[in-house]
Amino acid sequence: SKAPSVIAAEPAQAPPPQTSRVACALPAGVQRLTSHAILQGAQEIEIEHNGAVYRLRQTSQGKLILTK
């Protein structure tokens, strides 16, 4: 009589990586703020730094531009 055929099963595939964000540690003394917290609904704000005035504005495409 013939021996029964054996079919090897493929190894189980690992699940896809999670897409959720993982909190990362910031270096000591570094704070993270959201642009929403800084702009507070405005499209542009002025920032005074060492006697100079800078403008931070949000473009219509959602990018931030800082100018002196």
N, C-alpha and C. Protein backbone atom coordinates (compact mmCIF):
# COMPACT_ATOMS: atom_id res chain seq x y z
N SER A 1 0.83 -1.18 0.00
CA SER A 1 0.00 0.00 0.00
C SER A 1 0.88 1.24 0.00
N LYS A 2 0.30 2.33 -0.54
CA LYS A 2 1.02 3.59 -0.63
C LYS A 2 0.87 4.39 0.64
N ALA A 3 1.93 5.13 0.95
CA ALA A 3 1.87 6.01 2.12
C ALA A 3 1.03 7.23 1.75
N PRO A 4 0.24 7.75 2.67
CA PRO A 4 -0.58 8.92 2.38
C PRO A 4 0.30 10.14 2.10
N SER A 5 -0.16 11.00 1.21
CA SER A 5 0.57 12.23 0.90
C SER A 5 0.45 13.20 2.07
N VAL A 6 1.51 13.91 2.31
CA VAL A 6 1.51 14.90 3.38
C VAL A 6 1.71 16.26 2.72
N ILE A 7 0.82 17.17 3.01
CA ILE A 7 0.93 18.53 2.47
C ILE A 7 1.38 19.43 3.61
N ALA A 8 2.50 20.08 3.38
CA ALA A 8 3.03 20.96 4.41
C ALA A 8 2.22 22.25 4.43
N ALA A 9 1.82 22.65 5.61
CA ALA A 9 1.08 23.90 5.76
C ALA A 9 2.06 25.07 5.74
N GLU A 10 1.65 26.16 5.11
CA GLU A 10 2.50 27.35 5.11
C GLU A 10 2.48 27.96 6.50
N PRO A 11 3.60 28.56 6.91
CA PRO A 11 3.61 29.19 8.23
C PRO A 11 2.62 30.36 8.26
N ALA A 12 2.04 30.57 9.42
CA ALA A 12 1.08 31.66 9.58
C ALA A 12 1.80 32.99 9.37
N GLN A 13 1.14 33.91 8.66
CA GLN A 13 1.73 35.22 8.44
C GLN A 13 1.49 36.10 9.66
N ALA A 14 2.45 36.95 9.92
CA ALA A 14 2.32 37.89 11.03
C ALA A 14 1.25 38.92 10.68
N PRO A 15 0.51 39.38 11.66
CA PRO A 15 -0.50 40.41 11.38
C PRO A 15 0.17 41.69 10.91
N PRO A 16 -0.54 42.50 10.13
CA PRO A 16 0.07 43.75 9.66
C PRO A 16 0.40 44.66 10.82
N PRO A 17 1.41 45.52 10.66
CA PRO A 17 1.77 46.41 11.78
C PRO A 17 0.62 47.34 12.12
N GLN A 18 0.54 47.69 13.37
CA GLN A 18 -0.52 48.59 13.84
C GLN A 18 -0.29 49.98 13.26
N THR A 19 -1.36 50.65 12.90
CA THR A 19 -1.22 51.99 12.36
C THR A 19 -1.47 53.06 13.42
N SER A 20 -1.76 52.65 14.63
CA SER A 20 -2.00 53.66 15.67
C SER A 20 -0.68 54.34 16.03
N ARG A 21 -0.78 55.57 16.49
CA ARG A 21 0.40 56.34 16.83
C ARG A 21 0.94 55.87 18.18
N VAL A 22 2.21 55.80 18.28
CA VAL A 22 2.86 55.43 19.53
C VAL A 22 3.48 56.70 20.11
N ALA A 23 3.19 56.94 21.36
CA ALA A 23 3.75 58.14 22.00
C ALA A 23 5.27 57.98 22.09
N CYS A 24 5.97 59.03 21.71
CA CYS A 24 7.43 58.98 21.80
C CYS A 24 7.87 59.98 22.87
N ALA A 25 8.94 59.66 23.52
CA ALA A 25 9.46 60.53 24.57
C ALA A 25 10.19 61.70 23.94
N LEU A 26 9.95 62.89 24.45
CA LEU A 26 10.65 64.08 23.99
C LEU A 26 11.92 64.26 24.81
N PRO A 27 12.93 64.87 24.23
CA PRO A 27 14.14 65.14 25.02
C PRO A 27 13.81 66.02 26.22
N ALA A 28 14.60 65.93 27.25
CA ALA A 28 14.37 66.71 28.47
C ALA A 28 14.30 68.19 28.14
N GLY A 29 13.32 68.86 28.70
CA GLY A 29 13.18 70.30 28.52
C GLY A 29 12.44 70.70 27.25
N VAL A 30 12.04 69.74 26.42
CA VAL A 30 11.33 70.05 25.17
C VAL A 30 9.84 69.91 25.40
N GLN A 31 9.09 70.94 25.03
CA GLN A 31 7.63 70.90 25.13
C GLN A 31 7.06 70.75 23.73
N ARG A 32 5.91 70.11 23.61
CA ARG A 32 5.23 69.99 22.33
C ARG A 32 3.88 70.68 22.46
N LEU A 33 3.61 71.60 21.55
CA LEU A 33 2.34 72.31 21.49
C LEU A 33 1.71 72.05 20.14
N THR A 34 0.40 72.04 20.08
CA THR A 34 -0.27 71.92 18.79
C THR A 34 -0.34 73.31 18.15
N SER A 35 -0.38 73.34 16.83
CA SER A 35 -0.53 74.62 16.15
C SER A 35 -1.86 75.26 16.53
N HIS A 36 -2.86 74.44 16.80
CA HIS A 36 -4.17 74.96 17.21
C HIS A 36 -4.04 75.73 18.53
N ALA A 37 -3.26 75.19 19.45
CA ALA A 37 -3.07 75.86 20.74
C ALA A 37 -2.33 77.18 20.57
N ILE A 38 -1.42 77.25 19.62
CA ILE A 38 -0.65 78.48 19.40
C ILE A 38 -1.48 79.52 18.64
N LEU A 39 -2.12 79.10 17.55
CA LEU A 39 -2.87 80.04 16.72
C LEU A 39 -4.24 80.38 17.28
N GLN A 40 -4.83 79.49 18.06
CA GLN A 40 -6.15 79.69 18.69
C GLN A 40 -7.20 80.17 17.70
N GLY A 41 -7.22 79.54 16.53
CA GLY A 41 -8.23 79.86 15.53
C GLY A 41 -7.84 80.96 14.56
N ALA A 42 -6.77 81.70 14.84
CA ALA A 42 -6.31 82.77 13.94
C ALA A 42 -5.50 82.17 12.80
N GLN A 43 -5.44 82.88 11.70
CA GLN A 43 -4.61 82.45 10.57
C GLN A 43 -3.17 82.95 10.73
N GLU A 44 -2.98 83.99 11.55
CA GLU A 44 -1.65 84.59 11.70
C GLU A 44 -1.51 85.16 13.11
N ILE A 45 -0.31 85.00 13.67
CA ILE A 45 0.00 85.60 14.97
C ILE A 45 1.38 86.26 14.87
N GLU A 46 1.65 87.18 15.78
CA GLU A 46 2.96 87.80 15.88
C GLU A 46 3.64 87.25 17.14
N ILE A 47 4.93 86.99 17.00
CA ILE A 47 5.72 86.48 18.12
C ILE A 47 6.89 87.45 18.32
N GLU A 48 7.01 87.99 19.52
CA GLU A 48 8.14 88.87 19.82
C GLU A 48 9.24 88.03 20.44
N HIS A 49 10.45 88.15 19.88
CA HIS A 49 11.60 87.37 20.35
C HIS A 49 12.86 88.21 20.27
N ASN A 50 13.48 88.46 21.40
CA ASN A 50 14.72 89.26 21.47
C ASN A 50 14.58 90.61 20.76
N GLY A 51 13.45 91.26 20.95
CA GLY A 51 13.24 92.58 20.37
C GLY A 51 12.78 92.59 18.92
N ALA A 52 12.73 91.44 18.28
CA ALA A 52 12.27 91.35 16.88
C ALA A 52 10.88 90.75 16.86
N VAL A 53 10.09 91.13 15.86
CA VAL A 53 8.73 90.59 15.72
C VAL A 53 8.71 89.62 14.54
N TYR A 54 8.23 88.42 14.81
CA TYR A 54 8.09 87.38 13.79
C TYR A 54 6.61 87.14 13.55
N ARG A 55 6.26 86.72 12.35
CA ARG A 55 4.88 86.37 12.02
C ARG A 55 4.81 84.88 11.72
N LEU A 56 3.88 84.22 12.37
CA LEU A 56 3.61 82.81 12.11
C LEU A 56 2.24 82.75 11.47
N ARG A 57 2.17 82.24 10.25
CA ARG A 57 0.87 82.17 9.61
C ARG A 57 0.64 80.79 9.02
N GLN A 58 -0.62 80.44 8.94
CA GLN A 58 -1.02 79.16 8.36
C GLN A 58 -1.52 79.43 6.95
N THR A 59 -1.00 78.68 5.97
CA THR A 59 -1.41 78.87 4.59
C THR A 59 -2.75 78.18 4.34
N SER A 60 -3.31 78.44 3.17
CA SER A 60 -4.59 77.80 2.82
C SER A 60 -4.43 76.29 2.66
N GLN A 61 -3.18 75.82 2.49
CA GLN A 61 -2.92 74.39 2.38
C GLN A 61 -2.56 73.76 3.73
N GLY A 62 -2.65 74.56 4.79
CA GLY A 62 -2.41 74.04 6.14
C GLY A 62 -0.95 74.01 6.56
N LYS A 63 -0.06 74.63 5.79
CA LYS A 63 1.34 74.67 6.17
C LYS A 63 1.60 75.91 7.02
N LEU A 64 2.68 75.87 7.80
CA LEU A 64 3.04 77.00 8.65
C LEU A 64 4.26 77.71 8.07
N ILE A 65 4.22 79.04 8.09
CA ILE A 65 5.33 79.85 7.61
C ILE A 65 5.68 80.85 8.70
N LEU A 66 6.98 80.89 9.06
CA LEU A 66 7.47 81.85 10.04
C LEU A 66 8.37 82.82 9.32
N THR A 67 8.05 84.12 9.41
CA THR A 67 8.86 85.16 8.77
C THR A 67 9.22 86.22 9.79
N LYS A 68 10.31 86.92 9.51
CA LYS A 68 10.76 88.00 10.39
C LYS A 68 10.33 89.33 9.80
